Amino acid sequence: MGGRPIPLAKLPFLLLLFGVACAEVPTLASRPARAPAAAGGGEFLVLRSADPVSILPAGEEGARPLASYEKTFRASRGSWVLVGPGGRAEIAFPDGSFVAASGSCALEVLGPGGGEDLLFRAASAERMTVALRGDARAALPGGALVSGDGARFVARSLGEGRVRVESRGSVPVRIRLGGDEVLLDGARSVDLPARGVPGGGGG
């Protein structure tokens, strides 16, 4: 099918009430309306490749930027990784999954295991490269859930309330949004709604 996007229209989607203000130090402008994830339950390695990158530890109110000498940082479940314009961070999970976030991104790190097997929730994502292992899933801006043991994909903001997901491997990428599901294989891609997310456009 080549690399042409497959439109995914008329899907219900979840509005995520997040805010991200990306200046020199990326910060959350508001907290999620839902109850925060419980802290603890494992640590995940954050690798800072380019500034600015900040961490909001689980259970704390203030984010702190990673200093130039801090190439790695261990984050616990429920922490936020905040990447500003020009920044880049990678998160390595114990099960072998990883996400590389670049540009303006805000990710709530959860990790494998637990009832949902949810690695992270993305409040905003300029660009993310993700590799999944086992039953792990990733939540994209707009509420779509992505899964697939061994699946690799890129998610990037298109603006105007849309995010594009591109398959990058031989393992199909399964995407569920509301009651609808799409399966990407080869070099296929799909555009999804991402409204209600700062940087995604719309409201």
C-alpha atoms as a PDB file:
ATOM      1  CA  MET A   1       0.000   0.000   0.000  1.00  0.00           C
ATOM      2  CA  GLY A   2       3.093   2.242   0.044  1.00  0.00           C
ATOM      3  CA  GLY A   3       3.455   4.909   2.631  1.00  0.00           C
ATOM      4  CA  ARG A   4       0.150   6.731   2.046  1.00  0.00           C
ATOM      5  CA  PRO A   5      -1.870   7.469   5.177  1.00  0.00           C
ATOM      6  CA  ILE A   6      -5.087   5.535   5.762  1.00  0.00           C
ATOM      7  CA  PRO A   7      -7.697   8.058   7.010  1.00  0.00           C
ATOM      8  CA  LEU A   8      -9.461   6.980  10.192  1.00  0.00           C
ATOM      9  CA  ALA A   9     -12.592   9.101  10.342  1.00  0.00           C
ATOM     10  CA  LYS A  10     -15.602   9.327  12.620  1.00  0.00           C
ATOM     11  CA  LEU A  11     -13.916   7.658  15.569  1.00  0.00           C
ATOM     12  CA  PRO A  12     -14.757   8.574  19.160  1.00  0.00           C
ATOM     13  CA  PHE A  13     -11.760   9.810  21.036  1.00  0.00           C
ATOM     14  CA  LEU A  14     -10.828  10.754  24.573  1.00  0.00           C
ATOM     15  CA  LEU A  15      -9.971  14.311  25.503  1.00  0.00           C
ATOM     16  CA  LEU A  16      -6.882  14.488  27.710  1.00  0.00           C
ATOM     17  CA  LEU A  17      -6.749  17.527  29.971  1.00  0.00           C
ATOM     18  CA  PHE A  18      -3.045  18.279  30.025  1.00  0.00           C
ATOM     19  CA  GLY A  19      -0.989  21.419  29.536  1.00  0.00           C
ATOM     20  CA  VAL A  20       2.620  21.720  28.516  1.00  0.00           C
ATOM     21  CA  ALA A  21       4.547  24.984  28.496  1.00  0.00           C
ATOM     22  CA  CYS A  22       7.854  24.518  26.680  1.00  0.00           C
ATOM     23  CA  ALA A  23      10.274  27.379  27.175  1.00  0.00           C
ATOM     24  CA  GLU A  24      13.846  26.873  28.316  1.00  0.00           C
ATOM     25  CA  VAL A  25      12.612  24.307  30.843  1.00  0.00           C
ATOM     26  CA  PRO A  26       9.586  22.221  29.854  1.00  0.00           C
ATOM     27  CA  THR A  27       6.928  22.089  32.577  1.00  0.00           C
ATOM     28  CA  LEU A  28       3.365  20.879  33.023  1.00  0.00           C
ATOM     29  CA  ALA A  29       0.994  23.829  33.099  1.00  0.00           C
ATOM     30  CA  SER A  30      -1.743  21.718  34.688  1.00  0.00           C
ATOM     31  CA  ARG A  31      -2.151  18.299  36.225  1.00  0.00           C
ATOM     32  CA  PRO A  32      -4.332  15.526  34.743  1.00  0.00           C
ATOM     33  CA  ALA A  33      -7.936  15.548  35.888  1.00  0.00           C
ATOM     34  CA  ARG A  34      -7.774  11.807  36.665  1.00  0.00           C
ATOM     35  CA  ALA A  35      -6.143  10.390  39.790  1.00  0.00           C
ATOM     36  CA  PRO A  36      -2.363  10.068  39.374  1.00  0.00           C
ATOM     37  CA  ALA A  37      -0.733   6.654  39.008  1.00  0.00           C
ATOM     38  CA  ALA A  38       0.597   5.157  42.202  1.00  0.00           C
ATOM     39  CA  ALA A  39       4.315   5.672  42.704  1.00  0.00           C
ATOM     40  CA  GLY A  40       6.673   2.740  42.968  1.00  0.00           C
ATOM     41  CA  GLY A  41       6.442  -0.643  41.280  1.00  0.00           C
ATOM     42  CA  GLY A  42       9.702  -0.411  39.336  1.00  0.00           C
ATOM     43  CA  GLU A  43      12.248   2.012  37.948  1.00  0.00           C
ATOM     44  CA  PHE A  44      12.875   3.015  34.353  1.00  0.00           C
ATOM     45  CA  LEU A  45      16.019   4.456  32.874  1.00  0.00           C
ATOM     46  CA  VAL A  46      15.781   7.870  31.207  1.00  0.00           C
ATOM     47  CA  LEU A  47      18.646   8.827  28.894  1.00  0.00           C
ATOM     48  CA  ARG A  48      19.028  12.512  28.056  1.00  0.00           C
ATOM     49  CA  SER A  49      20.447  12.999  24.543  1.00  0.00           C
ATOM     50  CA  ALA A  50      19.767  16.723  24.031  1.00  0.00           C
ATOM     51  CA  ASP A  51      18.470  19.582  26.195  1.00  0.00           C
ATOM     52  CA  PRO A  52      16.011  20.546  27.467  1.00  0.00           C
ATOM     53  CA  VAL A  53      14.704  17.530  29.395  1.00  0.00           C
ATOM     54  CA  SER A  54      12.956  17.735  32.780  1.00  0.00           C
ATOM     55  CA  ILE A  55      11.642  15.147  35.231  1.00  0.00           C
ATOM     56  CA  LEU A  56       8.552  15.467  37.400  1.00  0.00           C
ATOM     57  CA  PRO A  57       9.030  12.639  39.953  1.00  0.00           C
ATOM     58  CA  ALA A  58       5.983  10.644  41.019  1.00  0.00           C
ATOM     59  CA  GLY A  59       4.167  12.241  43.937  1.00  0.00           C
ATOM     60  CA  GLU A  60       5.978  15.570  43.634  1.00  0.00           C
ATOM     61  CA  GLU A  61       4.660  18.939  42.479  1.00  0.00           C
ATOM     62  CA  GLY A  62       7.666  20.493  40.786  1.00  0.00           C
ATOM     63  CA  ALA A  63       9.603  19.377  37.732  1.00  0.00           C
ATOM     64  CA  ARG A  64      13.352  19.782  37.628  1.00  0.00           C
ATOM     65  CA  PRO A  65      15.572  20.047  34.548  1.00  0.00           C
ATOM     66  CA  LEU A  66      18.293  17.471  34.087  1.00  0.00           C
ATOM     67  CA  ALA A  67      21.720  19.089  34.322  1.00  0.00           C
ATOM     68  CA  SER A  68      24.246  18.813  31.516  1.00  0.00           C
ATOM     69  CA  TYR A  69      26.224  16.191  33.451  1.00  0.00           C
ATOM     70  CA  GLU A  70      23.118  14.026  34.061  1.00  0.00           C
ATOM     71  CA  LYS A  71      23.122  11.724  31.054  1.00  0.00           C
ATOM     72  CA  THR A  72      20.854   9.175  32.765  1.00  0.00           C
ATOM     73  CA  PHE A  73      18.132   9.299  35.413  1.00  0.00           C
ATOM     74  CA  ARG A  74      16.078   6.576  37.087  1.00  0.00           C
ATOM     75  CA  ALA A  75      12.364   7.380  37.178  1.00  0.00           C
ATOM     76  CA  SER A  76       9.695   5.511  39.126  1.00  0.00           C
ATOM     77  CA  ARG A  77       6.169   4.645  38.037  1.00  0.00           C
ATOM     78  CA  GLY A  78       3.980   7.735  37.742  1.00  0.00           C
ATOM     79  CA  SER A  79       6.828  10.140  36.931  1.00  0.00           C
ATOM     80  CA  TRP A  80       6.653  12.525  33.985  1.00  0.00           C
ATOM     81  CA  VAL A  81       9.372  12.983  31.376  1.00  0.00           C
ATOM     82  CA  LEU A  82       9.120  16.455  29.796  1.00  0.00           C
ATOM     83  CA  VAL A  83      11.050  17.255  26.630  1.00  0.00           C
ATOM     84  CA  GLY A  84      11.253  20.791  25.255  1.00  0.00           C
ATOM     85  CA  PRO A  85      11.864  22.067  21.709  1.00  0.00           C
ATOM     86  CA  GLY A  86      15.132  20.669  20.406  1.00  0.00           C
ATOM     87  CA  GLY A  87      15.376  18.178  23.269  1.00  0.00           C
ATOM     88  CA  ARG A  88      15.574  14.403  23.083  1.00  0.00           C
ATOM     89  CA  ALA A  89      15.166  11.675  25.695  1.00  0.00           C
ATOM     90  CA  GLU A  90      14.961   7.897  25.577  1.00  0.00           C
ATOM     91  CA  ILE A  91      13.183   5.724  28.140  1.00  0.00           C
ATOM     92  CA  ALA A  92      14.288   2.094  28.504  1.00  0.00           C
ATOM     93  CA  PHE A  93      11.922  -0.345  30.228  1.00  0.00           C
ATOM     94  CA  PRO A  94      12.843  -3.600  31.991  1.00  0.00           C
ATOM     95  CA  ASP A  95      10.964  -5.727  29.428  1.00  0.00           C
ATOM     96  CA  GLY A  96      13.054  -4.399  26.526  1.00  0.00           C
ATOM     97  CA  SER A  97      10.500  -1.841  25.315  1.00  0.00           C
ATOM     98  CA  PHE A  98      11.669   1.721  24.736  1.00  0.00           C
ATOM     99  CA  VAL A  99      10.490   5.121  23.581  1.00  0.00           C
ATOM    100  CA  ALA A 100      12.627   7.912  22.109  1.00  0.00           C
ATOM    101  CA  ALA A 101      10.918  11.315  22.370  1.00  0.00           C
ATOM    102  CA  SER A 102      12.150  14.408  20.540  1.00  0.00           C
ATOM    103  CA  GLY A 103      10.803  17.924  20.301  1.00  0.00           C
ATOM    104  CA  SER A 104       7.956  19.018  22.568  1.00  0.00           C
ATOM    105  CA  CYS A 105       6.760  15.874  24.368  1.00  0.00           C
ATOM    106  CA  ALA A 106       5.231  15.073  27.756  1.00  0.00           C
ATOM    107  CA  LEU A 107       5.058  11.421  28.839  1.00  0.00           C
ATOM    108  CA  GLU A 108       3.690   9.909  32.031  1.00  0.00           C
ATOM    109  CA  VAL A 109       5.897   6.861  32.597  1.00  0.00           C
ATOM    110  CA  LEU A 110       4.101   3.760  33.894  1.00  0.00           C
ATOM    111  CA  GLY A 111       6.020   0.697  32.707  1.00  0.00           C
ATOM    112  CA  PRO A 112       5.154  -2.941  31.956  1.00  0.00           C
ATOM    113  CA  GLY A 113       3.053  -4.974  34.334  1.00  0.00           C
ATOM    114  CA  GLY A 114       0.023  -3.895  36.301  1.00  0.00           C
ATOM    115  CA  GLY A 115      -3.577  -4.245  35.212  1.00  0.00           C
ATOM    116  CA  GLU A 116      -3.250  -2.281  31.974  1.00  0.00           C
ATOM    117  CA  ASP A 117       0.307  -3.160  30.863  1.00  0.00           C
ATOM    118  CA  LEU A 118       0.581   0.496  29.877  1.00  0.00           C
ATOM    119  CA  LEU A 119       4.150   1.721  29.299  1.00  0.00           C
ATOM    120  CA  PHE A 120       3.317   5.410  29.125  1.00  0.00           C
ATOM    121  CA  ARG A 121       0.629   7.975  28.428  1.00  0.00           C
ATOM    122  CA  ALA A 122       1.612  10.757  26.049  1.00  0.00           C
ATOM    123  CA  ALA A 123      -0.001  14.128  26.763  1.00  0.00           C
ATOM    124  CA  SER A 124       1.804  15.648  23.785  1.00  0.00           C
ATOM    125  CA  ALA A 125       4.223  14.235  21.256  1.00  0.00           C
ATOM    126  CA  GLU A 126       6.022  16.113  18.523  1.00  0.00           C
ATOM    127  CA  ARG A 127       7.793  12.890  17.554  1.00  0.00           C
ATOM    128  CA  MET A 128       8.196   9.510  19.256  1.00  0.00           C
ATOM    129  CA  THR A 129       9.850   6.289  18.136  1.00  0.00           C
ATOM    130  CA  VAL A 130       8.491   3.330  20.097  1.00  0.00           C
ATOM    131  CA  ALA A 131       9.374  -0.378  20.337  1.00  0.00           C
ATOM    132  CA  LEU A 132       6.990  -2.677  22.211  1.00  0.00           C
ATOM    133  CA  ARG A 133       7.598  -6.072  23.813  1.00  0.00           C
ATOM    134  CA  GLY A 134       5.142  -8.650  25.112  1.00  0.00           C
ATOM    135  CA  ASP A 135       1.718  -7.339  26.124  1.00  0.00           C
ATOM    136  CA  ALA A 136       2.922  -3.777  26.687  1.00  0.00           C
ATOM    137  CA  ARG A 137       0.834  -0.944  25.250  1.00  0.00           C
ATOM    138  CA  ALA A 138       1.364   2.773  24.682  1.00  0.00           C
ATOM    139  CA  ALA A 139      -1.247   5.535  24.937  1.00  0.00           C
ATOM    140  CA  LEU A 140      -0.957   8.301  22.333  1.00  0.00           C
ATOM    141  CA  PRO A 141      -2.273  11.875  22.419  1.00  0.00           C
ATOM    142  CA  GLY A 142      -6.015  11.619  21.821  1.00  0.00           C
ATOM    143  CA  GLY A 143      -6.362   8.310  23.667  1.00  0.00           C
ATOM    144  CA  ALA A 144      -5.393   5.696  21.044  1.00  0.00           C
ATOM    145  CA  LEU A 145      -3.799   2.533  22.479  1.00  0.00           C
ATOM    146  CA  VAL A 146      -1.012   0.865  20.479  1.00  0.00           C
ATOM    147  CA  SER A 147       0.174  -2.721  20.978  1.00  0.00           C
ATOM    148  CA  GLY A 148       2.061  -5.554  19.294  1.00  0.00           C
ATOM    149  CA  ASP A 149       4.801  -7.842  20.590  1.00  0.00           C
ATOM    150  CA  GLY A 150       7.910  -6.721  18.698  1.00  0.00           C
ATOM    151  CA  ALA A 151       6.105  -3.842  16.960  1.00  0.00           C
ATOM    152  CA  ARG A 152       7.983  -0.643  16.140  1.00  0.00           C
ATOM    153  CA  PHE A 153       6.341   2.609  15.113  1.00  0.00           C
ATOM    154  CA  VAL A 154       6.793   6.358  14.880  1.00  0.00           C
ATOM    155  CA  ALA A 155       4.116   8.767  16.143  1.00  0.00           C
ATOM    156  CA  ARG A 156       4.394  12.422  15.173  1.00  0.00           C
ATOM    157  CA  SER A 157       2.192  15.466  15.429  1.00  0.00           C
ATOM    158  CA  LEU A 158       0.710  16.837  12.196  1.00  0.00           C
ATOM    159  CA  GLY A 159      -0.854  19.831  13.916  1.00  0.00           C
ATOM    160  CA  GLU A 160      -4.533  20.697  13.481  1.00  0.00           C
ATOM    161  CA  GLY A 161      -5.544  18.045  15.998  1.00  0.00           C
ATOM    162  CA  ARG A 162      -3.958  15.034  14.291  1.00  0.00           C
ATOM    163  CA  VAL A 163      -1.181  12.561  15.015  1.00  0.00           C
ATOM    164  CA  ARG A 164       0.290  10.193  12.411  1.00  0.00           C
ATOM    165  CA  VAL A 165       1.360   6.654  13.318  1.00  0.00           C
ATOM    166  CA  GLU A 166       3.789   4.948  10.932  1.00  0.00           C
ATOM    167  CA  SER A 167       4.701   1.261  11.139  1.00  0.00           C
ATOM    168  CA  ARG A 168       8.471   0.674  11.099  1.00  0.00           C
ATOM    169  CA  GLY A 169       8.938  -3.082  11.177  1.00  0.00           C
ATOM    170  CA  SER A 170       7.739  -6.506  10.121  1.00  0.00           C
ATOM    171  CA  VAL A 171       5.456  -6.960  13.144  1.00  0.00           C
ATOM    172  CA  PRO A 172       1.959  -5.464  12.666  1.00  0.00           C
ATOM    173  CA  VAL A 173       1.042  -2.466  14.832  1.00  0.00           C
ATOM    174  CA  ARG A 174      -2.399  -2.752  16.433  1.00  0.00           C
ATOM    175  CA  ILE A 175      -4.193   0.505  17.222  1.00  0.00           C
ATOM    176  CA  ARG A 176      -7.415   0.743  19.202  1.00  0.00           C
ATOM    177  CA  LEU A 177      -9.398   3.945  19.591  1.00  0.00           C
ATOM    178  CA  GLY A 178     -12.749   3.680  21.301  1.00  0.00           C
ATOM    179  CA  GLY A 179     -14.461   0.613  19.823  1.00  0.00           C
ATOM    180  CA  ASP A 180     -12.509   0.738  16.558  1.00  0.00           C
ATOM    181  CA  GLU A 181      -9.288  -1.007  15.640  1.00  0.00           C
ATOM    182  CA  VAL A 182      -6.806  -0.787  12.771  1.00  0.00           C
ATOM    183  CA  LEU A 183      -3.827  -3.002  11.980  1.00  0.00           C
ATOM    184  CA  LEU A 184      -0.737  -1.513  10.317  1.00  0.00           C
ATOM    185  CA  ASP A 185       1.879  -3.670   8.637  1.00  0.00           C
ATOM    186  CA  GLY A 186       4.777  -2.978   6.315  1.00  0.00           C
ATOM    187  CA  ALA A 187       5.280   0.756   5.767  1.00  0.00           C
ATOM    188  CA  ARG A 188       1.652   1.755   6.248  1.00  0.00           C
ATOM    189  CA  SER A 189       0.502   4.727   8.306  1.00  0.00           C
ATOM    190  CA  VAL A 190      -2.695   6.128   9.740  1.00  0.00           C
ATOM    191  CA  ASP A 191      -3.784   9.588  10.921  1.00  0.00           C
ATOM    192  CA  LEU A 192      -5.588   9.771  14.264  1.00  0.00           C
ATOM    193  CA  PRO A 193      -7.381  12.546  16.179  1.00  0.00           C
ATOM    194  CA  ALA A 194      -5.300  14.211  18.872  1.00  0.00           C
ATOM    195  CA  ARG A 195      -7.545  17.088  19.854  1.00  0.00           C
ATOM    196  CA  GLY A 196      -7.588  18.342  23.397  1.00  0.00           C
ATOM    197  CA  VAL A 197      -3.810  18.000  23.560  1.00  0.00           C
ATOM    198  CA  PRO A 198      -1.534  21.066  23.614  1.00  0.00           C
ATOM    199  CA  GLY A 199       0.496  21.204  20.417  1.00  0.00           C
ATOM    200  CA  GLY A 200      -2.032  19.036  18.615  1.00  0.00           C
ATOM    201  CA  GLY A 201      -4.212  21.943  17.588  1.00  0.00           C
ATOM    202  CA  GLY A 202      -7.933  22.245  18.005  1.00  0.00           C
ATOM    203  CA  GLY A 203      -9.741  21.843  21.261  1.00  0.00           C
END
